[in-house]
Amino acid sequence: MTAIAMHSAALAKRSLIKTMRTPEALIDVTIQPVIFLLLFTYLFGGAISGDRHEYLQLLLPGMLAQSLAMGGVALGQNLNADIEKGVFDRFRSLPISRAAPLVGAVCADVVRYLSVCVSLLLFGTIMGFRVETGFLPALGAVALSIGFGLCFCWISVWVGMMVRTSGAVQGIMFLLVLPLTFGSPVFVPTDTLPGWLQAFVAVNPITPLVKAIRGLLVGGPVAGPLGTTLLWMAGLLVVFVPLALRAYSRRA
């Protein structure tokens, strides 16, 4: 187990160095979430809630969840591209754990998810967003967001191991992420939705995540949504980590 941790840490460092050398790869977790926040707040905020500041308080916690879910798409693309370039063939010749390349890449994604949280909270504060619960609950919201992102991204890893091109990874993941994030309480209160869509929202894993983050940042119920979110996180790991590792063994 110690060997796996050491190998994964070494490959995580490789991924971080690669990110530092290509900072434009962070656009989707820095600039893009801010653009979405601006668009929805100033274009739709007045129409949806009548008060832009009130809508910003509702929107930003949800945008954290959406951006974390979308931020994992690039991981599957990068892993798929590395396989096509033969990078993983070199890993196979090294005396390292077969799981280390995937685990290391996922661990390195913490930097991307932290960038999402910092960008949205910093720019949101400039726009007028205020944390109403205190520093520690806000820290808990950030930790929960990053933790969920690390679990959810294993879906992207699995897809990256299964499909032939990195472009296909993006297409498939967007087909999954967009319905999950828009069919949730991210943008509007769910009681305004039609009945059949509310049924989908009720079983959507993004829904309890949004409610938990919102409760930690601006107040509201936390215990119930947090427990459901942790169950979803455990389920994602139990299902998709073995699937990703099995697909990697077949592909690499």
C-alpha atoms as a PDB file:
ATOM      1  CA  MET A   1       0.000   0.000   0.000  1.00  0.00           C
ATOM      2  CA  THR A   2       2.900   2.310   0.795  1.00  0.00           C
ATOM      3  CA  ALA A   3       4.433   1.550  -2.603  1.00  0.00           C
ATOM      4  CA  ILE A   4       1.187   2.478  -4.366  1.00  0.00           C
ATOM      5  CA  ALA A   5       1.073   5.777  -2.458  1.00  0.00           C
ATOM      6  CA  MET A   6       4.694   6.572  -3.358  1.00  0.00           C
ATOM      7  CA  HIS A   7       4.217   5.695  -7.036  1.00  0.00           C
ATOM      8  CA  SER A   8       0.967   7.653  -7.214  1.00  0.00           C
ATOM      9  CA  ALA A   9       2.599  10.683  -5.570  1.00  0.00           C
ATOM     10  CA  ALA A  10       5.459  10.603  -8.065  1.00  0.00           C
ATOM     11  CA  LEU A  11       3.063  10.490 -11.021  1.00  0.00           C
ATOM     12  CA  ALA A  12       0.879  13.184  -9.452  1.00  0.00           C
ATOM     13  CA  LYS A  13       3.975  15.372  -9.352  1.00  0.00           C
ATOM     14  CA  ARG A  14       4.487  14.679 -13.060  1.00  0.00           C
ATOM     15  CA  SER A  15       0.927  15.824 -13.779  1.00  0.00           C
ATOM     16  CA  LEU A  16       1.381  18.968 -11.693  1.00  0.00           C
ATOM     17  CA  ILE A  17       4.601  19.861 -13.526  1.00  0.00           C
ATOM     18  CA  LYS A  18       2.776  19.389 -16.819  1.00  0.00           C
ATOM     19  CA  THR A  19       0.012  21.725 -15.613  1.00  0.00           C
ATOM     20  CA  MET A  20       2.538  24.365 -14.515  1.00  0.00           C
ATOM     21  CA  ARG A  21       4.125  24.290 -17.962  1.00  0.00           C
ATOM     22  CA  THR A  22       0.754  24.700 -19.687  1.00  0.00           C
ATOM     23  CA  PRO A  23      -1.237  27.076 -17.438  1.00  0.00           C
ATOM     24  CA  GLU A  24      -3.764  27.627 -20.231  1.00  0.00           C
ATOM     25  CA  ALA A  25      -5.062  24.172 -19.344  1.00  0.00           C
ATOM     26  CA  LEU A  26      -6.590  25.788 -16.235  1.00  0.00           C
ATOM     27  CA  ILE A  27      -8.887  28.080 -18.229  1.00  0.00           C
ATOM     28  CA  ASP A  28     -11.833  25.718 -17.786  1.00  0.00           C
ATOM     29  CA  VAL A  29     -11.498  25.847 -13.987  1.00  0.00           C
ATOM     30  CA  THR A  30     -10.630  29.543 -13.569  1.00  0.00           C
ATOM     31  CA  ILE A  31     -12.012  31.824 -16.278  1.00  0.00           C
ATOM     32  CA  GLN A  32     -14.895  29.678 -17.550  1.00  0.00           C
ATOM     33  CA  PRO A  33     -16.718  29.363 -14.170  1.00  0.00           C
ATOM     34  CA  VAL A  34     -16.405  33.115 -13.645  1.00  0.00           C
ATOM     35  CA  ILE A  35     -17.908  33.785 -17.092  1.00  0.00           C
ATOM     36  CA  PHE A  36     -20.853  31.496 -16.265  1.00  0.00           C
ATOM     37  CA  LEU A  37     -21.312  33.267 -12.937  1.00  0.00           C
ATOM     38  CA  LEU A  38     -21.366  36.674 -14.632  1.00  0.00           C
ATOM     39  CA  LEU A  39     -23.741  35.560 -17.379  1.00  0.00           C
ATOM     40  CA  PHE A  40     -26.319  33.943 -15.135  1.00  0.00           C
ATOM     41  CA  THR A  41     -26.176  36.662 -12.481  1.00  0.00           C
ATOM     42  CA  TYR A  42     -26.494  39.706 -14.725  1.00  0.00           C
ATOM     43  CA  LEU A  43     -28.456  38.261 -17.657  1.00  0.00           C
ATOM     44  CA  PHE A  44     -30.911  36.007 -15.837  1.00  0.00           C
ATOM     45  CA  GLY A  45     -30.694  36.964 -12.162  1.00  0.00           C
ATOM     46  CA  GLY A  46     -33.193  39.788 -12.358  1.00  0.00           C
ATOM     47  CA  ALA A  47     -35.672  37.746 -14.406  1.00  0.00           C
ATOM     48  CA  ILE A  48     -35.435  34.652 -12.203  1.00  0.00           C
ATOM     49  CA  SER A  49     -35.507  36.129  -8.706  1.00  0.00           C
ATOM     50  CA  GLY A  50     -36.042  39.863  -9.197  1.00  0.00           C
ATOM     51  CA  ASP A  51     -32.975  40.701  -7.128  1.00  0.00           C
ATOM     52  CA  ARG A  52     -29.509  40.024  -8.531  1.00  0.00           C
ATOM     53  CA  HIS A  53     -27.795  39.941  -5.148  1.00  0.00           C
ATOM     54  CA  GLU A  54     -30.347  37.478  -3.813  1.00  0.00           C
ATOM     55  CA  TYR A  55     -29.872  35.327  -6.917  1.00  0.00           C
ATOM     56  CA  LEU A  56     -26.080  35.483  -6.551  1.00  0.00           C
ATOM     57  CA  GLN A  57     -26.426  34.075  -3.025  1.00  0.00           C
ATOM     58  CA  LEU A  58     -28.460  31.201  -4.494  1.00  0.00           C
ATOM     59  CA  LEU A  59     -26.355  30.695  -7.611  1.00  0.00           C
ATOM     60  CA  LEU A  60     -22.746  30.676  -6.453  1.00  0.00           C
ATOM     61  CA  PRO A  61     -22.937  27.580  -4.209  1.00  0.00           C
ATOM     62  CA  GLY A  62     -24.621  25.718  -7.063  1.00  0.00           C
ATOM     63  CA  MET A  63     -22.016  26.938  -9.524  1.00  0.00           C
ATOM     64  CA  LEU A  64     -19.342  25.381  -7.305  1.00  0.00           C
ATOM     65  CA  ALA A  65     -21.001  21.996  -7.736  1.00  0.00           C
ATOM     66  CA  GLN A  66     -21.478  22.425 -11.490  1.00  0.00           C
ATOM     67  CA  SER A  67     -17.917  23.622 -12.097  1.00  0.00           C
ATOM     68  CA  LEU A  68     -16.442  20.754 -10.067  1.00  0.00           C
ATOM     69  CA  ALA A  69     -18.444  18.222 -12.076  1.00  0.00           C
ATOM     70  CA  MET A  70     -17.397  19.798 -15.380  1.00  0.00           C
ATOM     71  CA  GLY A  71     -13.787  20.207 -14.238  1.00  0.00           C
ATOM     72  CA  GLY A  72     -13.229  16.448 -14.224  1.00  0.00           C
ATOM     73  CA  VAL A  73     -13.918  16.135 -17.957  1.00  0.00           C
ATOM     74  CA  ALA A  74     -10.373  17.224 -18.862  1.00  0.00           C
ATOM     75  CA  LEU A  75      -8.870  14.412 -16.768  1.00  0.00           C
ATOM     76  CA  GLY A  76     -10.362  11.693 -18.944  1.00  0.00           C
ATOM     77  CA  GLN A  77      -9.304  13.590 -22.065  1.00  0.00           C
ATOM     78  CA  ASN A  78      -5.709  13.923 -20.872  1.00  0.00           C
ATOM     79  CA  LEU A  79      -5.433  10.270 -19.874  1.00  0.00           C
ATOM     80  CA  ASN A  80      -6.865   9.177 -23.212  1.00  0.00           C
ATOM     81  CA  ALA A  81      -4.364  11.409 -25.039  1.00  0.00           C
ATOM     82  CA  ASP A  82      -1.485   9.986 -22.967  1.00  0.00           C
ATOM     83  CA  ILE A  83      -2.455   6.458 -23.956  1.00  0.00           C
ATOM     84  CA  GLU A  84      -2.602   7.410 -27.629  1.00  0.00           C
ATOM     85  CA  LYS A  85       0.855   9.018 -27.383  1.00  0.00           C
ATOM     86  CA  GLY A  86       2.343   5.879 -25.835  1.00  0.00           C
ATOM     87  CA  VAL A  87       3.033   7.460 -22.436  1.00  0.00           C
ATOM     88  CA  PHE A  88       1.366   4.588 -20.602  1.00  0.00           C
ATOM     89  CA  ASP A  89       3.478   2.074 -22.518  1.00  0.00           C
ATOM     90  CA  ARG A  90       6.474   3.596 -20.752  1.00  0.00           C
ATOM     91  CA  PHE A  91       4.698   3.339 -17.413  1.00  0.00           C
ATOM     92  CA  ARG A  92       4.146  -0.373 -18.016  1.00  0.00           C
ATOM     93  CA  SER A  93       7.889  -0.901 -18.335  1.00  0.00           C
ATOM     94  CA  LEU A  94       8.481   0.647 -14.910  1.00  0.00           C
ATOM     95  CA  PRO A  95       8.325  -1.323 -11.629  1.00  0.00           C
ATOM     96  CA  ILE A  96       5.249   0.550 -10.378  1.00  0.00           C
ATOM     97  CA  SER A  97       1.712  -0.367  -9.423  1.00  0.00           C
ATOM     98  CA  ARG A  98      -0.673  -0.683 -12.352  1.00  0.00           C
ATOM     99  CA  ALA A  99      -3.118   1.628 -10.550  1.00  0.00           C
ATOM    100  CA  ALA A 100      -0.547   4.365  -9.865  1.00  0.00           C
ATOM    101  CA  PRO A 101      -0.902   6.288 -13.189  1.00  0.00           C
ATOM    102  CA  LEU A 102      -4.646   6.704 -12.710  1.00  0.00           C
ATOM    103  CA  VAL A 103      -4.536   7.390  -8.966  1.00  0.00           C
ATOM    104  CA  GLY A 104      -1.700   9.880  -9.444  1.00  0.00           C
ATOM    105  CA  ALA A 105      -3.585  11.752 -12.162  1.00  0.00           C
ATOM    106  CA  VAL A 106      -6.705  11.972  -9.986  1.00  0.00           C
ATOM    107  CA  CYS A 107      -4.722  13.236  -6.981  1.00  0.00           C
ATOM    108  CA  ALA A 108      -3.097  15.932  -9.125  1.00  0.00           C
ATOM    109  CA  ASP A 109      -6.570  17.180 -10.074  1.00  0.00           C
ATOM    110  CA  VAL A 110      -6.928  18.587  -6.551  1.00  0.00           C
ATOM    111  CA  VAL A 111      -5.131  21.684  -7.874  1.00  0.00           C
ATOM    112  CA  ARG A 112      -7.757  22.135 -10.598  1.00  0.00           C
ATOM    113  CA  TYR A 113     -10.649  21.755  -8.155  1.00  0.00           C
ATOM    114  CA  LEU A 114      -9.061  24.131  -5.665  1.00  0.00           C
ATOM    115  CA  SER A 115      -8.675  26.633  -8.524  1.00  0.00           C
ATOM    116  CA  VAL A 116     -12.428  26.404  -9.192  1.00  0.00           C
ATOM    117  CA  CYS A 117     -13.280  27.122  -5.571  1.00  0.00           C
ATOM    118  CA  VAL A 118     -10.831  30.011  -5.213  1.00  0.00           C
ATOM    119  CA  SER A 119     -11.868  31.619  -8.521  1.00  0.00           C
ATOM    120  CA  LEU A 120     -15.605  31.472  -7.843  1.00  0.00           C
ATOM    121  CA  LEU A 121     -15.432  32.548  -4.207  1.00  0.00           C
ATOM    122  CA  LEU A 122     -12.975  35.362  -4.889  1.00  0.00           C
ATOM    123  CA  PHE A 123     -14.803  36.762  -7.901  1.00  0.00           C
ATOM    124  CA  GLY A 124     -18.174  36.144  -6.276  1.00  0.00           C
ATOM    125  CA  THR A 125     -17.070  38.213  -3.290  1.00  0.00           C
ATOM    126  CA  ILE A 126     -16.133  41.042  -5.643  1.00  0.00           C
ATOM    127  CA  MET A 127     -19.613  40.794  -7.197  1.00  0.00           C
ATOM    128  CA  GLY A 128     -21.256  40.990  -3.767  1.00  0.00           C
ATOM    129  CA  PHE A 129     -21.540  37.388  -2.583  1.00  0.00           C
ATOM    130  CA  ARG A 130     -21.213  36.980   1.171  1.00  0.00           C
ATOM    131  CA  VAL A 131     -20.657  33.851   3.246  1.00  0.00           C
ATOM    132  CA  GLU A 132     -23.337  33.986   5.939  1.00  0.00           C
ATOM    133  CA  THR A 133     -22.230  31.052   8.090  1.00  0.00           C
ATOM    134  CA  GLY A 134     -18.582  31.665   9.027  1.00  0.00           C
ATOM    135  CA  PHE A 135     -15.096  30.597   8.046  1.00  0.00           C
ATOM    136  CA  LEU A 136     -15.182  26.958   9.159  1.00  0.00           C
ATOM    137  CA  PRO A 137     -18.464  26.089   7.382  1.00  0.00           C
ATOM    138  CA  ALA A 138     -17.097  27.781   4.243  1.00  0.00           C
ATOM    139  CA  LEU A 139     -13.936  25.691   4.532  1.00  0.00           C
ATOM    140  CA  GLY A 140     -16.147  22.633   4.886  1.00  0.00           C
ATOM    141  CA  ALA A 141     -18.012  23.600   1.700  1.00  0.00           C
ATOM    142  CA  VAL A 142     -14.727  23.833  -0.195  1.00  0.00           C
ATOM    143  CA  ALA A 143     -13.543  20.484   1.188  1.00  0.00           C
ATOM    144  CA  LEU A 144     -16.850  18.814   0.308  1.00  0.00           C
ATOM    145  CA  SER A 145     -16.750  20.278  -3.210  1.00  0.00           C
ATOM    146  CA  ILE A 146     -13.212  19.034  -3.843  1.00  0.00           C
ATOM    147  CA  GLY A 147     -13.977  15.632  -2.327  1.00  0.00           C
ATOM    148  CA  PHE A 148     -17.018  15.171  -4.549  1.00  0.00           C
ATOM    149  CA  GLY A 149     -15.011  16.281  -7.587  1.00  0.00           C
ATOM    150  CA  LEU A 150     -12.332  13.670  -6.845  1.00  0.00           C
ATOM    151  CA  CYS A 151     -14.997  10.952  -6.660  1.00  0.00           C
ATOM    152  CA  PHE A 152     -17.018  12.131  -9.666  1.00  0.00           C
ATOM    153  CA  CYS A 153     -13.946  12.405 -11.912  1.00  0.00           C
ATOM    154  CA  TRP A 154     -13.508   8.612 -11.854  1.00  0.00           C
ATOM    155  CA  ILE A 155     -16.416   8.502 -14.317  1.00  0.00           C
ATOM    156  CA  SER A 156     -14.307  10.607 -16.684  1.00  0.00           C
ATOM    157  CA  VAL A 157     -11.289   8.355 -16.060  1.00  0.00           C
ATOM    158  CA  TRP A 158     -13.363   5.290 -16.959  1.00  0.00           C
ATOM    159  CA  VAL A 159     -14.743   6.922 -20.098  1.00  0.00           C
ATOM    160  CA  GLY A 160     -11.199   7.983 -21.055  1.00  0.00           C
ATOM    161  CA  MET A 161     -10.085   4.366 -20.831  1.00  0.00           C
ATOM    162  CA  MET A 162     -13.025   3.096 -22.881  1.00  0.00           C
ATOM    163  CA  VAL A 163     -13.286   5.389 -25.901  1.00  0.00           C
ATOM    164  CA  ARG A 164     -10.832   5.875 -28.760  1.00  0.00           C
ATOM    165  CA  THR A 165     -10.292   9.628 -28.843  1.00  0.00           C
ATOM    166  CA  SER A 166     -10.071  12.474 -26.347  1.00  0.00           C
ATOM    167  CA  GLY A 167     -12.773  14.343 -28.279  1.00  0.00           C
ATOM    168  CA  ALA A 168     -15.169  11.467 -27.647  1.00  0.00           C
ATOM    169  CA  VAL A 169     -14.429  11.702 -23.923  1.00  0.00           C
ATOM    170  CA  GLN A 170     -15.534  15.332 -23.906  1.00  0.00           C
ATOM    171  CA  GLY A 171     -18.691  14.604 -25.891  1.00  0.00           C
ATOM    172  CA  ILE A 172     -19.787  11.703 -23.692  1.00  0.00           C
ATOM    173  CA  MET A 173     -19.017  13.490 -20.432  1.00  0.00           C
ATOM    174  CA  PHE A 174     -20.908  16.624 -21.455  1.00  0.00           C
ATOM    175  CA  LEU A 175     -23.913  14.441 -22.308  1.00  0.00           C
ATOM    176  CA  LEU A 176     -23.763  13.233 -18.706  1.00  0.00           C
ATOM    177  CA  VAL A 177     -22.758  16.391 -16.846  1.00  0.00           C
ATOM    178  CA  LEU A 178     -25.106  18.898 -18.496  1.00  0.00           C
ATOM    179  CA  PRO A 179     -28.374  17.081 -17.652  1.00  0.00           C
ATOM    180  CA  LEU A 180     -27.132  16.417 -14.112  1.00  0.00           C
ATOM    181  CA  THR A 181     -26.183  20.027 -13.437  1.00  0.00           C
ATOM    182  CA  PHE A 182     -29.113  21.730 -15.185  1.00  0.00           C
ATOM    183  CA  GLY A 183     -31.599  19.195 -13.796  1.00  0.00           C
ATOM    184  CA  SER A 184     -30.732  20.201 -10.236  1.00  0.00           C
ATOM    185  CA  PRO A 185     -31.201  23.150  -7.838  1.00  0.00           C
ATOM    186  CA  VAL A 186     -28.108  24.907  -9.221  1.00  0.00           C
ATOM    187  CA  PHE A 187     -29.933  27.665 -11.118  1.00  0.00           C
ATOM    188  CA  VAL A 188     -33.560  27.709  -9.944  1.00  0.00           C
ATOM    189  CA  PRO A 189     -35.650  26.466  -7.012  1.00  0.00           C
ATOM    190  CA  THR A 190     -36.854  22.970  -7.863  1.00  0.00           C
ATOM    191  CA  ASP A 191     -40.460  23.671  -6.847  1.00  0.00           C
ATOM    192  CA  THR A 192     -40.869  25.619 -10.108  1.00  0.00           C
ATOM    193  CA  LEU A 193     -40.064  22.529 -12.204  1.00  0.00           C
ATOM    194  CA  PRO A 194     -42.638  20.145 -13.733  1.00  0.00           C
ATOM    195  CA  GLY A 195     -43.399  16.992 -11.768  1.00  0.00           C
ATOM    196  CA  TRP A 196     -41.481  14.552 -13.982  1.00  0.00           C
ATOM    197  CA  LEU A 197     -38.369  16.739 -13.781  1.00  0.00           C
ATOM    198  CA  GLN A 198     -38.690  17.053 -10.012  1.00  0.00           C
ATOM    199  CA  ALA A 199     -38.609  13.246  -9.852  1.00  0.00           C
ATOM    200  CA  PHE A 200     -35.274  13.309 -11.713  1.00  0.00           C
ATOM    201  CA  VAL A 201     -33.943  16.077  -9.469  1.00  0.00           C
ATOM    202  CA  ALA A 202     -34.780  14.004  -6.392  1.00  0.00           C
ATOM    203  CA  VAL A 203     -32.442  11.162  -7.459  1.00  0.00           C
ATOM    204  CA  ASN A 204     -29.778  13.385  -9.008  1.00  0.00           C
ATOM    205  CA  PRO A 205     -26.432  13.160  -7.110  1.00  0.00           C
ATOM    206  CA  ILE A 206     -25.795  16.855  -7.759  1.00  0.00           C
ATOM    207  CA  THR A 207     -28.943  17.833  -5.840  1.00  0.00           C
ATOM    208  CA  PRO A 208     -27.789  16.915  -2.294  1.00  0.00           C
ATOM    209  CA  LEU A 209     -24.327  18.306  -3.076  1.00  0.00           C
ATOM    210  CA  VAL A 210     -25.792  21.692  -4.024  1.00  0.00           C
ATOM    211  CA  LYS A 211     -28.016  21.721  -0.943  1.00  0.00           C
ATOM    212  CA  ALA A 212     -25.115  20.841   1.350  1.00  0.00           C
ATOM    213  CA  ILE A 213     -22.797  23.486  -0.120  1.00  0.00           C
ATOM    214  CA  ARG A 214     -25.568  26.063  -0.012  1.00  0.00           C
ATOM    215  CA  GLY A 215     -26.272  25.249   3.618  1.00  0.00           C
ATOM    216  CA  LEU A 216     -22.593  25.522   4.530  1.00  0.00           C
ATOM    217  CA  LEU A 217     -22.144  28.860   2.751  1.00  0.00           C
ATOM    218  CA  VAL A 218     -25.399  30.776   3.198  1.00  0.00           C
ATOM    219  CA  GLY A 219     -27.330  28.743   5.766  1.00  0.00           C
ATOM    220  CA  GLY A 220     -29.940  26.017   5.614  1.00  0.00           C
ATOM    221  CA  PRO A 221     -30.172  22.260   6.261  1.00  0.00           C
ATOM    222  CA  VAL A 222     -26.788  20.521   6.066  1.00  0.00           C
ATOM    223  CA  ALA A 223     -26.883  17.153   7.852  1.00  0.00           C
ATOM    224  CA  GLY A 224     -29.340  15.388   5.525  1.00  0.00           C
ATOM    225  CA  PRO A 225     -27.866  16.591   2.207  1.00  0.00           C
ATOM    226  CA  LEU A 226     -24.329  16.020   3.517  1.00  0.00           C
ATOM    227  CA  GLY A 227     -25.082  12.414   4.448  1.00  0.00           C
ATOM    228  CA  THR A 228     -26.658  11.730   1.054  1.00  0.00           C
ATOM    229  CA  THR A 229     -23.705  13.349  -0.729  1.00  0.00           C
ATOM    230  CA  LEU A 230     -21.218  11.196   1.199  1.00  0.00           C
ATOM    231  CA  LEU A 231     -23.198   8.089   0.225  1.00  0.00           C
ATOM    232  CA  TRP A 232     -23.068   9.147  -3.433  1.00  0.00           C
ATOM    233  CA  MET A 233     -19.322   9.758  -3.162  1.00  0.00           C
ATOM    234  CA  ALA A 234     -18.767   6.295  -1.720  1.00  0.00           C
ATOM    235  CA  GLY A 235     -20.967   4.769  -4.422  1.00  0.00           C
ATOM    236  CA  LEU A 236     -19.051   6.528  -7.205  1.00  0.00           C
ATOM    237  CA  LEU A 237     -15.758   5.184  -5.856  1.00  0.00           C
ATOM    238  CA  VAL A 238     -17.069   1.647  -5.363  1.00  0.00           C
ATOM    239  CA  VAL A 239     -18.460   1.478  -8.893  1.00  0.00           C
ATOM    240  CA  PHE A 240     -16.123   3.493 -11.089  1.00  0.00           C
ATOM    241  CA  VAL A 241     -12.662   2.943  -9.591  1.00  0.00           C
ATOM    242  CA  PRO A 242     -12.734  -0.823 -10.337  1.00  0.00           C
ATOM    243  CA  LEU A 243     -14.290  -0.153 -13.762  1.00  0.00           C
ATOM    244  CA  ALA A 244     -11.579   2.392 -14.611  1.00  0.00           C
ATOM    245  CA  LEU A 245      -8.753   0.133 -13.423  1.00  0.00           C
ATOM    246  CA  ARG A 246     -10.142  -2.824 -15.347  1.00  0.00           C
ATOM    247  CA  ALA A 247     -10.537  -0.758 -18.515  1.00  0.00           C
ATOM    248  CA  TYR A 248      -7.002   0.587 -18.086  1.00  0.00           C
ATOM    249  CA  SER A 249      -5.577  -2.941 -17.755  1.00  0.00           C
ATOM    250  CA  ARG A 250      -7.271  -3.901 -21.013  1.00  0.00           C
ATOM    251  CA  ARG A 251      -6.318  -0.731 -22.846  1.00  0.00           C
ATOM    252  CA  ALA A 252      -2.774   0.093 -21.729  1.00  0.00           C
END
